[in-house]
Amino acid sequence: MTKAKDIETRWWGWGDIEQTFAIEDRPDLVPYLEKRLGIKVEKLREPDPTLDEVELRDSRLSKKQVDKLAAIVGADNVKTDKKSRVYHGLGKSYRDLLRGHMKQIPNPPDAVVYPGEENEVSKLLELAEAEKIAVVPFCGGSSVVGGIEPLDKDGLSASVSVDLRRMDKLVSVDAESRVATFEAGVWGPQLDEELASRSLYLGHQPESFLFSGLGGWIASRGAGRQSTSYGKIEDMVEGVRMVTPRGVIDSLAVPATATGPNMRQVVAGSEGTLGIITKATMKVHPLPEVYDYRGLLFKEFEGGVQAVREMLQKRLFPECIRISDTEESHLASFIRKPSSNPVKEGAVQAALKAMNAMGYSFEKGAFAILGCEGKKVDVSGRMKQMQSICRKNGALPLGHMAGDEWYKGRYDNPYFRDLLMNWGVMIDTLETATNWDNIMTLYRNVKKAISQALDDYGSPSIVTCHLSHSYVQGSSLYFIFLGRMVPGKEIEQWEHLKQLAGDAILASGGTITHHHGVGYEHAPWFEKEIGEESMKALKALKASCDPAGIMNPGKLGL
C-alpha cells in the first residue's frame, strides 16, 4: 500500500526526488525552445539547491510551547528541524519554486505537527488559540496559489504547520450506497488503492494526484482530469467534518437535503481559514472495466470547442475531453518521445505526412484527448457517438496510440517545469472558466494579456491553452506560458504577468480560478469577483469559527 509518509519529495521543486523529465528522449525539444525563446540551454543550467545553503530564521516557539505541542501528539510528531520547516514553508507556485531555488524561505513554520486523530487536532487548535499561534493545514503541499505558506499576522507570535499525513485511514465503505469515508490526510494513490481493492473508484485524478490529498482537494475545490463526467471534488463530497477553534462542523452524509445553506459547500473552498478538515464521505463508482483514451486532431481550435459543447449539450459526457489550441499542439509535437523502434517511428512519420496531405498538422491544428471509462459496452457506445460529433466538426481520429501515450505521461509535466526553470525559462500556468458564448473572447483576451506582459520585459513568448473540465453551460480554459526569465527581476516579471492576466480574466467575464484555489496570490481578484457583501459574509463566518484569527491567516483575503 502506497503511503504518503513513504514518499520523499523535493522542497525546491516538484515530486519524487528520484524522478525527473527525460529531456534526452526528446531530441527536437531543446532546439525548438532555444529558437523560440532565445535561450542557450547549456549556459543556464543550475545545480539544485541544498539545505545547507538555506538561511532559516530560528523557531519563535519557546521550549515550553514545543513541549505543550508534544504533550498532545507525542514528541516524535513535533518537528522543528530545518528540513521539516523548509519543506512546509513553500508550496509549488512559480513564485514558490523561484524562491526555493534562490534559497529564500521567508515564512517557514516554527514547527511542524503531525496529529494522528481528530481529538488531537481539536487540542492543537485550543492550544494555538491560547498561545496566539497561527495554524496552517497541510495536506501534501501542492498549492500553486500560496495556500500553505505560513504568513505573519499582527497579534500572533508564531506559526505551526499541521500536516495530516498520519490521518490517512479508510474509515468505512458502503458499497450498496456507493460511498466511502476517509480521513482527510489520505493521499491520492493510497485512496485509489483502497477503493480499487474493493472494486470501487473515486474518479478524481488531478495533475498533483501523486503528491496531494483528500483534505487539500476539498479545501481548494480541486478538479481532476475526469471532472467532465465525475464532477469537481465538491460534487463528490456527500459529507464532511471540519474542526474549527470553536467546535466541529459535521454535515450529514446524505445524497441531498433542504436544511438551509449547504455546509458541505461552505467547507469546500475554505482553504484552512475556518478550520481543519478531518474526514469526508465521498461518492464513489464501480471500478471501470476499461479506460479508453484516444487522440484526435482538429483542423482548428474552434472546431474542437464546438465539438465539446455539442456532445455535452446532447448529454454525452466523456470522462476526459481536452482540446489544445494550435500553440499547445505544436509544442506537444516537440515534447513527444519518438519511438525507439525504427519501424514504429517510421510508421508514425508516414502517418504524419499523410495527415499533412489531408490538411491536418500539429503545427496548424488542435490536438485533442478523448477519454471514456466504465463498462466496456457503454464506453464503446459513447466513444462511437462522440467521435462522430468530433469528425463532423473537423476532427481526424488518431487512435489509441496517441491517447495511451498521453495517459501514461499525464503526471510528468511538473517535472518539465522544474527542468525549464533551471534553464532560465519562465513557465507557469493559470486557469479560468466561462460560458460557451464567451469562451473564445476570454481565450483571446487572456492570451493577448500574457503575451503583452512577457513582451513588456523583453521576452519572446510561447502562450498555449487547452479546454478542459467542461460543462453543459461552458468550460474552463487552462493556459501554459513560457518566456525568458529576466535575471534579477524574476519575481517582478511574474507579478507583472499575473496582474495583467488576472485583470484580463475579470474584465472578460471569467472567474479568477476554476480549480487552483485562491490562497493569497488570487486574493485581490477574488474580492473583486465575489463583491463587497460576500466578503463581509465570509469575514463574519470567519469571526464565528475562528475569532482569534489563527486559521491560515492571509488566505482568501481573510
Protein backbone atom coordinates (compact mmCIF):
# COMPACT_ATOMS: atom_id res chain seq x y z
CA MET A 1 0.00 0.00 0.00
CA THR A 2 1.41 3.40 -1.01
CA LYS A 3 1.76 5.67 2.00
CA ALA A 4 2.17 9.44 1.85
CA LYS A 5 4.83 9.41 4.52
CA ASP A 6 6.96 6.96 2.48
CA ILE A 7 7.44 9.34 -0.45
CA GLU A 8 10.40 11.71 -0.32
CA THR A 9 9.70 14.82 -2.36
CA ARG A 10 11.68 17.89 -3.37
CA TRP A 11 11.34 21.01 -1.22
CA TRP A 12 12.68 23.26 -4.00
CA GLY A 13 10.69 21.69 -6.85
CA TRP A 14 8.14 19.08 -7.77
CA GLY A 15 7.58 15.50 -6.84
CA ASP A 16 9.63 12.36 -6.29
CA ILE A 17 13.24 13.25 -5.62
CA GLU A 18 14.29 10.25 -7.74
CA GLN A 19 12.31 11.27 -10.82
CA THR A 20 12.93 13.90 -13.49
CA PHE A 21 11.79 14.78 -17.01
CA ALA A 22 13.62 12.74 -19.67
CA ILE A 23 14.67 15.58 -21.94
CA GLU A 24 17.25 13.36 -23.65
CA ASP A 25 14.41 11.26 -25.11
CA ARG A 26 13.08 14.32 -26.95
CA PRO A 27 15.90 15.43 -29.27
CA ASP A 28 13.93 18.18 -31.03
CA LEU A 29 12.63 19.91 -27.90
CA VAL A 30 15.68 21.86 -26.75
CA PRO A 31 16.45 23.31 -30.23
CA TYR A 32 12.81 24.38 -30.53
CA LEU A 33 12.85 26.16 -27.17
CA GLU A 34 16.20 27.80 -27.88
CA LYS A 35 14.89 29.16 -31.19
CA ARG A 36 11.52 30.33 -29.86
CA LEU A 37 12.73 31.84 -26.58
CA GLY A 38 16.22 32.98 -27.49
CA ILE A 39 17.97 30.97 -24.79
CA LYS A 40 21.04 28.74 -24.68
CA VAL A 41 20.24 25.76 -22.53
CA GLU A 42 23.77 24.57 -21.76
CA LYS A 43 24.77 28.00 -20.40
CA LEU A 44 21.86 28.37 -17.98
CA ARG A 45 21.66 25.02 -16.19
CA GLU A 46 21.96 25.45 -12.43
CA PRO A 47 22.51 22.84 -9.72
CA ASP A 48 19.68 22.07 -7.32
CA PRO A 49 19.91 23.97 -4.02
CA THR A 50 20.88 22.21 -0.81
CA LEU A 51 19.53 22.67 2.68
CA ASP A 52 22.95 23.78 3.89
CA GLU A 53 22.67 26.82 1.60
CA VAL A 54 19.36 27.96 3.12
CA GLU A 55 19.48 30.54 5.88
CA LEU A 56 16.43 29.97 8.04
CA ARG A 57 15.24 32.08 10.92
CA ASP A 58 15.16 30.38 14.31
CA SER A 59 11.91 28.94 15.54
CA ARG A 60 9.94 31.52 17.51
CA LEU A 61 8.36 28.89 19.72
CA SER A 62 9.66 28.52 23.26
CA LYS A 63 10.71 25.12 24.57
CA LYS A 64 7.66 25.21 26.81
CA GLN A 65 5.38 25.70 23.80
CA VAL A 66 7.05 22.87 21.89
CA ASP A 67 6.62 20.63 24.93
CA LYS A 68 2.92 21.50 25.03
CA LEU A 69 2.57 20.50 21.38
CA ALA A 70 4.43 17.26 22.10
CA ALA A 71 2.11 16.53 25.00
CA ILE A 72 -0.77 16.44 22.52
CA VAL A 73 0.68 14.48 19.58
CA GLY A 74 3.82 12.89 21.03
CA ALA A 75 7.39 14.14 20.87
CA ASP A 76 8.14 12.21 17.68
CA ASN A 77 5.34 14.07 15.90
CA VAL A 78 6.59 17.60 16.52
CA LYS A 79 9.41 18.71 14.23
CA THR A 80 11.45 21.89 14.49
CA ASP A 81 14.39 20.74 12.35
CA LYS A 82 15.46 22.68 9.28
CA LYS A 83 14.32 20.15 6.68
CA SER A 84 10.79 19.87 8.08
CA ARG A 85 10.35 23.62 8.34
CA VAL A 86 11.73 24.31 4.86
CA TYR A 87 9.58 21.60 3.28
CA HIS A 88 6.44 23.14 4.82
CA GLY A 89 7.42 26.75 4.14
CA LEU A 90 6.56 26.93 0.44
CA GLY A 91 4.02 25.45 -1.93
CA LYS A 92 4.56 24.73 -5.63
CA SER A 93 3.67 28.00 -7.38
CA TYR A 94 6.15 29.60 -9.77
CA ARG A 95 6.97 32.19 -7.13
CA ASP A 96 7.49 29.42 -4.57
CA LEU A 97 9.85 27.46 -6.81
CA LEU A 98 11.79 30.61 -7.69
CA ARG A 99 12.31 31.35 -4.02
CA GLY A 100 13.26 27.74 -3.39
CA HIS A 101 15.99 27.90 -6.00
CA MET A 102 17.13 31.22 -4.55
CA LYS A 103 17.30 29.52 -1.12
CA GLN A 104 14.76 32.03 0.21
CA ILE A 105 12.16 30.68 2.67
CA PRO A 106 10.78 33.93 4.13
CA ASN A 107 7.93 32.42 6.17
CA PRO A 108 8.86 28.98 7.50
CA PRO A 109 6.59 27.47 10.13
CA ASP A 110 8.11 27.49 13.60
CA ALA A 111 7.18 23.84 13.98
CA VAL A 112 5.52 21.06 12.01
CA VAL A 113 2.98 19.00 13.90
CA TYR A 114 1.58 15.61 12.84
CA PRO A 115 -1.70 14.76 14.59
CA GLY A 116 -2.90 11.17 14.45
CA GLU A 117 -6.59 11.64 15.24
CA GLU A 118 -9.30 14.27 15.33
CA ASN A 119 -9.14 14.74 19.11
CA GLU A 120 -5.51 15.80 18.75
CA VAL A 121 -6.50 18.33 16.09
CA SER A 122 -9.05 19.85 18.48
CA LYS A 123 -6.48 20.11 21.25
CA LEU A 124 -3.92 21.65 18.90
CA LEU A 125 -6.36 24.41 17.90
CA GLU A 126 -7.23 25.03 21.55
CA LEU A 127 -3.55 25.39 22.42
CA ALA A 128 -2.80 27.55 19.37
CA GLU A 129 -5.58 29.97 20.25
CA ALA A 130 -4.39 30.23 23.85
CA GLU A 131 -0.75 30.76 22.79
CA LYS A 132 -1.59 33.07 19.84
CA ILE A 133 -0.04 30.75 17.25
CA ALA A 134 -1.15 30.68 13.61
CA VAL A 135 -2.20 27.28 12.26
CA VAL A 136 -1.68 26.29 8.60
CA PRO A 137 -3.29 22.99 7.50
CA PHE A 138 -1.02 20.94 5.23
CA CYS A 139 -2.09 18.01 3.06
CA GLY A 140 0.65 17.36 0.53
CA GLY A 141 1.71 20.97 -0.05
CA SER A 142 0.93 21.13 -3.78
CA SER A 143 -0.80 24.54 -3.67
CA VAL A 144 0.12 26.80 -6.59
CA VAL A 145 -1.53 29.92 -5.16
CA GLY A 146 0.35 30.42 -1.88
CA GLY A 147 -2.23 28.43 0.04
CA ILE A 148 0.11 26.72 2.52
CA GLU A 149 2.76 29.38 3.15
CA PRO A 150 2.59 30.49 6.81
CA LEU A 151 2.04 34.25 6.82
CA ASP A 152 2.64 36.53 9.79
CA LYS A 153 -0.29 38.38 11.29
CA ASP A 154 -0.43 41.10 13.91
CA GLY A 155 -1.25 39.66 17.30
CA LEU A 156 0.13 36.20 16.53
CA SER A 157 3.59 35.30 17.73
CA ALA A 158 4.44 32.17 15.71
CA SER A 159 3.04 29.60 13.30
CA VAL A 160 2.73 25.82 13.07
CA SER A 161 2.08 23.69 10.01
CA VAL A 162 -0.37 20.90 10.82
CA ASP A 163 0.49 18.04 8.47
CA LEU A 164 -2.33 15.48 8.24
CA ARG A 165 -0.37 12.61 6.68
CA ARG A 166 -0.83 10.35 9.74
CA MET A 167 -4.61 10.72 9.41
CA ASP A 168 -4.88 8.60 6.26
CA LYS A 169 -7.26 5.79 7.14
CA LEU A 170 -10.21 4.40 5.25
CA VAL A 171 -12.96 4.73 7.86
CA SER A 172 -15.80 2.87 6.18
CA VAL A 173 -17.20 1.71 2.84
CA ASP A 174 -20.86 1.37 1.93
CA ALA A 175 -20.79 -0.38 -1.44
CA GLU A 176 -24.59 -0.57 -1.58
CA SER A 177 -24.88 3.21 -1.32
CA ARG A 178 -21.62 3.80 -3.21
CA VAL A 179 -19.99 6.00 -0.60
CA ALA A 180 -16.70 5.70 1.24
CA THR A 181 -15.43 7.68 4.23
CA PHE A 182 -11.74 8.59 4.56
CA GLU A 183 -9.65 10.59 6.95
CA ALA A 184 -8.60 13.80 5.22
CA GLY A 185 -4.85 13.15 5.20
CA VAL A 186 -5.02 10.27 2.69
CA TRP A 187 -3.05 10.96 -0.49
CA GLY A 188 -4.33 10.14 -3.97
CA PRO A 189 -2.53 6.84 -4.69
CA GLN A 190 -3.45 5.32 -1.33
CA LEU A 191 -7.08 6.40 -1.67
CA ASP A 192 -7.33 4.84 -5.12
CA GLU A 193 -5.65 1.61 -3.97
CA GLU A 194 -8.02 1.28 -1.01
CA LEU A 195 -11.04 1.71 -3.27
CA ALA A 196 -9.70 -0.47 -6.09
CA SER A 197 -9.22 -3.37 -3.67
CA ARG A 198 -13.00 -3.15 -3.16
CA SER A 199 -13.74 -2.71 -6.89
CA LEU A 200 -14.57 0.97 -6.37
CA TYR A 201 -13.25 4.22 -7.81
CA LEU A 202 -13.41 7.94 -6.96
CA GLY A 203 -12.54 9.35 -10.39
CA HIS A 204 -10.52 12.34 -9.13
CA GLN A 205 -7.00 12.46 -10.55
CA PRO A 206 -5.62 15.99 -10.81
CA GLU A 207 -2.09 16.61 -12.07
CA SER A 208 -0.99 16.77 -8.41
CA PHE A 209 -2.62 13.38 -7.69
CA LEU A 210 0.55 11.53 -6.68
CA PHE A 211 1.54 14.16 -4.08
CA SER A 212 -1.73 15.62 -2.78
CA GLY A 213 -4.54 14.50 -0.52
CA LEU A 214 -8.25 14.49 0.09
CA GLY A 215 -8.42 17.34 2.60
CA GLY A 216 -6.44 19.64 0.32
CA TRP A 217 -8.57 18.77 -2.68
CA ILE A 218 -11.73 19.68 -0.81
CA ALA A 219 -10.29 22.80 0.84
CA SER A 220 -9.28 24.23 -2.54
CA ARG A 221 -12.19 22.93 -4.68
CA GLY A 222 -9.89 20.93 -6.92
CA ALA A 223 -10.75 19.24 -10.21
CA GLY A 224 -9.39 16.03 -11.66
CA ARG A 225 -8.91 15.36 -15.35
CA GLN A 226 -12.13 13.30 -15.42
CA SER A 227 -14.29 16.05 -13.91
CA THR A 228 -16.40 16.45 -17.08
CA SER A 229 -18.12 13.20 -16.12
CA TYR A 230 -17.49 12.69 -12.39
CA GLY A 231 -17.58 16.36 -11.37
CA LYS A 232 -15.19 18.50 -9.36
CA ILE A 233 -14.23 17.41 -5.87
CA GLU A 234 -17.02 19.42 -4.20
CA ASP A 235 -19.53 17.48 -6.34
CA MET A 236 -18.12 14.22 -4.97
CA VAL A 237 -18.47 15.13 -1.28
CA GLU A 238 -21.55 13.69 0.43
CA GLY A 239 -20.47 14.59 3.96
CA VAL A 240 -17.53 16.38 5.53
CA ARG A 241 -16.23 17.01 9.02
CA MET A 242 -14.12 20.03 9.98
CA VAL A 243 -12.66 21.02 13.34
CA THR A 244 -12.72 24.77 13.99
CA PRO A 245 -11.37 26.64 17.01
CA ARG A 246 -14.97 26.88 18.19
CA GLY A 247 -16.07 23.31 17.64
CA VAL A 248 -16.85 20.77 14.94
CA ILE A 249 -18.80 21.34 11.75
CA ASP A 250 -20.19 17.97 10.71
CA SER A 251 -22.51 17.74 7.72
CA LEU A 252 -24.90 14.80 7.50
CA ALA A 253 -23.84 12.36 4.78
CA VAL A 254 -26.97 12.14 2.65
CA PRO A 255 -27.40 12.50 -1.12
CA ALA A 256 -29.50 15.67 -0.84
CA THR A 257 -31.11 17.89 1.76
CA ALA A 258 -33.07 21.13 2.01
CA THR A 259 -31.91 22.04 5.51
CA GLY A 260 -30.75 25.54 4.76
CA PRO A 261 -27.39 26.58 3.26
CA ASN A 262 -25.22 23.59 2.43
CA MET A 263 -22.37 23.44 4.96
CA ARG A 264 -20.50 20.94 2.81
CA GLN A 265 -20.12 23.72 0.27
CA VAL A 266 -19.02 26.17 2.96
CA VAL A 267 -16.24 23.82 3.99
CA ALA A 268 -15.26 23.15 0.37
CA GLY A 269 -13.07 26.02 -0.75
CA SER A 270 -12.47 27.32 2.79
CA GLU A 271 -8.70 26.77 2.32
CA GLY A 272 -7.99 26.23 6.01
CA THR A 273 -9.26 29.66 7.03
CA LEU A 274 -12.11 28.28 9.16
CA GLY A 275 -10.70 25.02 10.47
CA ILE A 276 -9.09 21.71 9.56
CA ILE A 277 -10.95 19.09 7.53
CA THR A 278 -10.52 15.77 9.29
CA LYS A 279 -12.86 13.38 7.47
CA ALA A 280 -15.04 13.20 4.36
CA THR A 281 -17.63 10.84 2.93
CA MET A 282 -17.16 10.59 -0.81
CA LYS A 283 -19.42 9.40 -3.63
CA VAL A 284 -17.70 6.53 -5.42
CA HIS A 285 -18.27 4.46 -8.56
CA PRO A 286 -17.68 0.90 -9.71
CA LEU A 287 -14.09 0.39 -10.81
CA PRO A 288 -14.07 0.87 -14.60
CA GLU A 289 -13.73 -2.24 -16.73
CA VAL A 290 -11.92 -0.27 -19.44
CA TYR A 291 -10.07 3.03 -19.81
CA ASP A 292 -10.36 4.07 -23.45
CA TYR A 293 -8.24 7.15 -24.27
CA ARG A 294 -7.78 8.27 -27.87
CA GLY A 295 -6.19 11.12 -29.74
CA LEU A 296 -7.83 13.34 -32.36
CA LEU A 297 -6.62 16.25 -34.43
CA PHE A 298 -8.96 19.10 -35.33
CA LYS A 299 -8.16 21.47 -38.16
CA GLU A 300 -8.70 24.38 -35.78
CA PHE A 301 -9.23 25.05 -32.07
CA GLU A 302 -12.73 26.48 -32.51
CA GLY A 303 -13.87 23.26 -34.17
CA GLY A 304 -12.79 21.35 -31.08
CA VAL A 305 -14.57 23.81 -28.79
CA GLN A 306 -17.75 23.41 -30.84
CA ALA A 307 -17.49 19.61 -30.68
CA VAL A 308 -17.21 19.61 -26.88
CA ARG A 309 -20.19 21.93 -26.49
CA GLU A 310 -22.27 19.83 -28.85
CA MET A 311 -21.55 16.49 -27.21
CA LEU A 312 -22.20 17.77 -23.68
CA GLN A 313 -25.43 19.50 -24.65
CA LYS A 314 -26.55 16.20 -26.16
CA ARG A 315 -25.88 14.69 -22.71
CA LEU A 316 -22.87 12.71 -23.92
CA PHE A 317 -20.27 13.03 -21.15
CA PRO A 318 -16.74 11.76 -21.66
CA GLU A 319 -14.68 11.26 -18.54
CA CYS A 320 -11.93 13.36 -20.13
CA ILE A 321 -12.05 15.77 -23.05
CA ARG A 322 -9.12 18.06 -23.64
CA ILE A 323 -8.68 20.29 -26.71
CA SER A 324 -5.29 22.01 -27.14
CA ASP A 325 -5.01 25.18 -29.18
CA THR A 326 -2.57 25.40 -32.09
CA GLU A 327 0.33 26.69 -29.98
CA GLU A 328 -0.04 23.89 -27.44
CA SER A 329 -0.49 21.26 -30.16
CA HIS A 330 2.69 22.43 -31.89
CA LEU A 331 4.64 22.35 -28.60
CA ALA A 332 3.26 18.86 -27.89
CA SER A 333 4.76 17.60 -31.15
CA PHE A 334 8.23 18.52 -29.83
CA ILE A 335 7.57 17.11 -26.35
CA ARG A 336 6.54 13.78 -27.86
CA LYS A 337 9.09 10.98 -27.43
CA PRO A 338 9.98 9.33 -30.76
CA SER A 339 9.66 5.55 -30.66
CA SER A 340 12.89 3.62 -30.09
CA ASN A 341 11.55 1.10 -32.60
CA PRO A 342 12.60 2.32 -36.11
CA VAL A 343 9.69 0.52 -37.76
CA LYS A 344 7.13 2.09 -35.40
CA GLU A 345 8.65 5.54 -35.72
CA GLY A 346 8.75 5.21 -39.48
CA ALA A 347 5.04 4.40 -39.46
CA VAL A 348 4.34 7.45 -37.30
CA GLN A 349 6.27 9.75 -39.64
CA ALA A 350 4.48 8.29 -42.67
CA ALA A 351 1.14 8.88 -40.97
CA LEU A 352 2.07 12.50 -40.20
CA LYS A 353 2.94 13.08 -43.87
CA ALA A 354 -0.37 11.55 -44.96
CA MET A 355 -2.25 13.72 -42.49
CA ASN A 356 -0.48 16.81 -43.75
CA ALA A 357 -1.57 15.99 -47.29
CA MET A 358 -5.15 15.92 -45.98
CA GLY A 359 -4.77 19.37 -44.40
CA TYR A 360 -4.07 18.21 -40.83
CA SER A 361 -0.91 19.09 -38.90
CA PHE A 362 0.21 19.67 -35.33
CA GLU A 363 1.71 22.96 -36.46
CA LYS A 364 -1.66 24.40 -37.51
CA GLY A 365 -4.26 22.16 -35.93
CA ALA A 366 -5.69 21.41 -32.47
CA PHE A 367 -4.74 18.15 -30.76
CA ALA A 368 -7.37 16.53 -28.54
CA ILE A 369 -7.59 13.75 -25.98
CA LEU A 370 -10.92 11.98 -25.64
CA GLY A 371 -11.26 9.51 -22.78
CA CYS A 372 -14.08 7.25 -21.65
CA GLU A 373 -14.08 4.99 -18.60
CA GLY A 374 -16.60 2.42 -17.42
CA LYS A 375 -18.24 -0.76 -18.64
CA LYS A 376 -16.92 -1.95 -21.97
CA VAL A 377 -20.24 -1.84 -23.81
CA ASP A 378 -21.10 1.65 -22.50
CA VAL A 379 -17.66 3.04 -23.30
CA SER A 380 -17.80 1.64 -26.82
CA GLY A 381 -21.19 3.23 -27.48
CA ARG A 382 -20.27 6.63 -26.09
CA MET A 383 -16.91 6.71 -27.87
CA LYS A 384 -18.55 5.99 -31.21
CA GLN A 385 -21.08 8.80 -30.80
CA MET A 386 -18.51 11.29 -29.53
CA GLN A 387 -16.04 10.61 -32.31
CA SER A 388 -18.85 11.09 -34.81
CA ILE A 389 -19.51 14.56 -33.38
CA CYS A 390 -15.79 15.34 -33.46
CA ARG A 391 -15.47 14.27 -37.10
CA LYS A 392 -18.43 16.43 -38.03
CA ASN A 393 -16.56 19.38 -36.50
CA GLY A 394 -13.36 18.76 -38.43
CA ALA A 395 -11.52 16.12 -36.39
CA LEU A 396 -9.34 13.31 -37.66
CA PRO A 397 -9.25 10.35 -35.22
CA LEU A 398 -5.67 9.32 -34.34
CA GLY A 399 -6.49 6.14 -32.43
CA HIS A 400 -5.32 4.61 -29.18
CA MET A 401 -1.58 5.17 -29.51
CA ALA A 402 -1.77 8.93 -29.04
CA GLY A 403 -4.29 8.59 -26.22
CA ASP A 404 -2.30 5.90 -24.42
CA GLU A 405 0.91 7.92 -24.68
CA TRP A 406 -0.80 10.95 -23.12
CA TYR A 407 -2.37 8.81 -20.38
CA LYS A 408 0.95 7.23 -19.40
CA GLY A 409 2.68 10.60 -19.13
CA ARG A 410 -0.17 12.54 -17.56
CA TYR A 411 1.73 13.28 -14.32
CA ASP A 412 5.06 14.25 -15.90
CA ASN A 413 4.56 17.92 -16.83
CA PRO A 414 5.54 19.43 -13.44
CA TYR A 415 8.95 17.80 -13.78
CA PHE A 416 9.29 19.54 -17.15
CA ARG A 417 8.62 22.86 -15.42
CA ASP A 418 11.44 22.27 -12.92
CA LEU A 419 13.84 21.50 -15.75
CA LEU A 420 12.93 24.62 -17.72
CA MET A 421 13.24 26.88 -14.69
CA ASN A 422 16.77 25.57 -14.19
CA TRP A 423 17.49 26.73 -17.74
CA GLY A 424 16.22 30.27 -17.20
CA VAL A 425 12.76 29.72 -18.66
CA MET A 426 9.75 31.32 -17.04
CA ILE A 427 6.99 28.70 -17.15
CA ASP A 428 3.72 28.78 -15.29
CA THR A 429 0.02 28.09 -15.62
CA LEU A 430 -3.26 29.84 -14.88
CA GLU A 431 -6.83 28.79 -15.38
CA THR A 432 -10.30 30.27 -15.59
CA ALA A 433 -13.80 29.37 -16.76
CA THR A 434 -16.75 30.96 -18.51
CA ASN A 435 -19.90 30.11 -20.50
CA TRP A 436 -19.75 28.89 -24.10
CA ASP A 437 -20.81 32.18 -25.65
CA ASN A 438 -17.79 33.87 -24.05
CA ILE A 439 -15.12 31.15 -24.40
CA MET A 440 -13.30 32.49 -27.46
CA THR A 441 -13.40 36.12 -26.26
CA LEU A 442 -11.90 35.14 -22.91
CA TYR A 443 -9.36 32.91 -24.66
CA ARG A 444 -8.12 35.65 -26.98
CA ASN A 445 -8.02 38.39 -24.36
CA VAL A 446 -6.07 36.38 -21.80
CA LYS A 447 -3.56 35.11 -24.39
CA LYS A 448 -3.05 38.69 -25.53
CA ALA A 449 -2.51 39.92 -21.96
CA ILE A 450 0.06 37.19 -21.22
CA SER A 451 1.97 37.89 -24.42
CA GLN A 452 1.95 41.61 -23.67
CA ALA A 453 3.25 41.05 -20.15
CA LEU A 454 6.16 38.96 -21.43
CA ASP A 455 6.90 41.50 -24.15
CA ASP A 456 6.96 44.27 -21.53
CA TYR A 457 10.05 42.57 -20.08
CA GLY A 458 11.67 41.96 -23.43
CA SER A 459 10.86 38.28 -23.59
CA PRO A 460 9.64 36.21 -26.54
CA SER A 461 6.64 34.13 -25.60
CA ILE A 462 5.00 30.77 -26.06
CA VAL A 463 1.42 31.02 -24.79
CA THR A 464 -0.64 27.84 -25.00
CA CYS A 465 -4.13 26.94 -23.87
CA HIS A 466 -6.36 23.93 -23.65
CA LEU A 467 -10.04 23.45 -23.00
CA SER A 468 -10.72 21.01 -20.18
CA HIS A 469 -13.14 20.44 -17.27
CA SER A 470 -16.17 21.14 -19.43
CA TYR A 471 -19.88 21.52 -18.66
CA VAL A 472 -23.19 21.80 -20.46
CA GLN A 473 -23.02 25.57 -19.93
CA GLY A 474 -19.33 26.25 -20.56
CA SER A 475 -15.79 25.21 -19.83
CA SER A 476 -12.53 26.01 -18.15
CA LEU A 477 -9.52 27.35 -20.05
CA TYR A 478 -6.06 26.31 -18.89
CA PHE A 479 -3.13 28.44 -20.03
CA ILE A 480 0.53 27.40 -20.01
CA PHE A 481 3.04 30.11 -20.85
CA LEU A 482 6.78 30.17 -21.39
CA GLY A 483 9.14 33.11 -21.60
CA ARG A 484 12.70 34.09 -20.85
CA MET A 485 13.49 34.95 -17.22
CA VAL A 486 14.86 38.43 -16.60
CA PRO A 487 17.85 37.91 -14.27
CA GLY A 488 17.40 39.76 -11.01
CA LYS A 489 13.74 40.56 -11.80
CA GLU A 490 12.28 37.06 -11.96
CA ILE A 491 9.56 37.61 -9.35
CA GLU A 492 8.81 41.15 -10.52
CA GLN A 493 8.37 39.85 -14.07
CA TRP A 494 5.98 37.13 -12.89
CA GLU A 495 3.95 39.52 -10.72
CA HIS A 496 3.52 41.85 -13.71
CA LEU A 497 2.21 38.97 -15.80
CA LYS A 498 -0.17 37.83 -13.07
CA GLN A 499 -1.53 41.36 -12.77
CA LEU A 500 -2.24 41.77 -16.47
CA ALA A 501 -3.63 38.26 -16.87
CA GLY A 502 -5.82 38.49 -13.76
CA ASP A 503 -7.21 41.84 -14.83
CA ALA A 504 -7.92 40.48 -18.32
CA ILE A 505 -9.75 37.47 -16.89
CA LEU A 506 -12.14 39.55 -14.78
CA ALA A 507 -12.62 42.18 -17.49
CA SER A 508 -13.53 39.40 -19.93
CA GLY A 509 -16.12 37.75 -17.72
CA GLY A 510 -14.07 34.81 -16.45
CA THR A 511 -13.55 33.54 -12.92
CA ILE A 512 -10.13 34.14 -11.41
CA THR A 513 -9.75 30.43 -10.67
CA HIS A 514 -11.59 27.28 -11.72
CA HIS A 515 -9.73 24.73 -9.58
CA HIS A 516 -6.38 26.04 -8.30
CA GLY A 517 -7.94 27.96 -5.43
CA VAL A 518 -7.35 31.46 -4.08
CA GLY A 519 -4.60 31.35 -1.45
CA TYR A 520 -3.08 34.80 -1.27
CA GLU A 521 -1.96 35.05 -4.89
CA HIS A 522 -5.52 35.32 -6.22
CA ALA A 523 -6.98 37.17 -3.24
CA PRO A 524 -7.14 40.68 -4.85
CA TRP A 525 -9.21 39.42 -7.81
CA PHE A 526 -11.23 37.06 -5.60
CA GLU A 527 -12.54 40.00 -3.58
CA LYS A 528 -13.48 41.85 -6.76
CA GLU A 529 -15.17 38.79 -8.22
CA ILE A 530 -17.42 37.94 -5.28
CA GLY A 531 -18.13 41.54 -4.21
CA GLU A 532 -18.18 43.55 -1.00
CA GLU A 533 -21.24 41.98 0.59
CA SER A 534 -19.99 38.43 0.04
CA MET A 535 -16.66 39.38 1.62
CA LYS A 536 -18.49 40.78 4.64
CA ALA A 537 -20.37 37.48 4.99
CA LEU A 538 -17.14 35.47 4.75
CA LYS A 539 -15.47 37.65 7.37
CA ALA A 540 -18.46 37.21 9.68
CA LEU A 541 -18.25 33.44 9.23
CA LYS A 542 -14.52 33.59 9.93
CA ALA A 543 -15.15 35.60 13.11
CA SER A 544 -17.67 32.99 14.28
CA CYS A 545 -15.50 29.92 13.62
CA ASP A 546 -12.12 31.49 14.33
CA PRO A 547 -12.48 34.65 16.44
CA ALA A 548 -8.76 34.82 17.26
CA GLY A 549 -7.84 34.64 13.56
CA ILE A 550 -5.36 31.79 13.95
CA MET A 551 -6.51 29.73 10.96
CA ASN A 552 -4.32 30.14 7.87
CA PRO A 553 -4.06 33.95 8.05
CA GLY A 554 -3.99 35.94 4.83
CA LYS A 555 -5.68 33.38 2.58
CA LEU A 556 -8.95 34.21 0.78
CA GLY A 557 -8.27 37.80 1.82
CA LEU A 558 -9.18 36.86 5.42
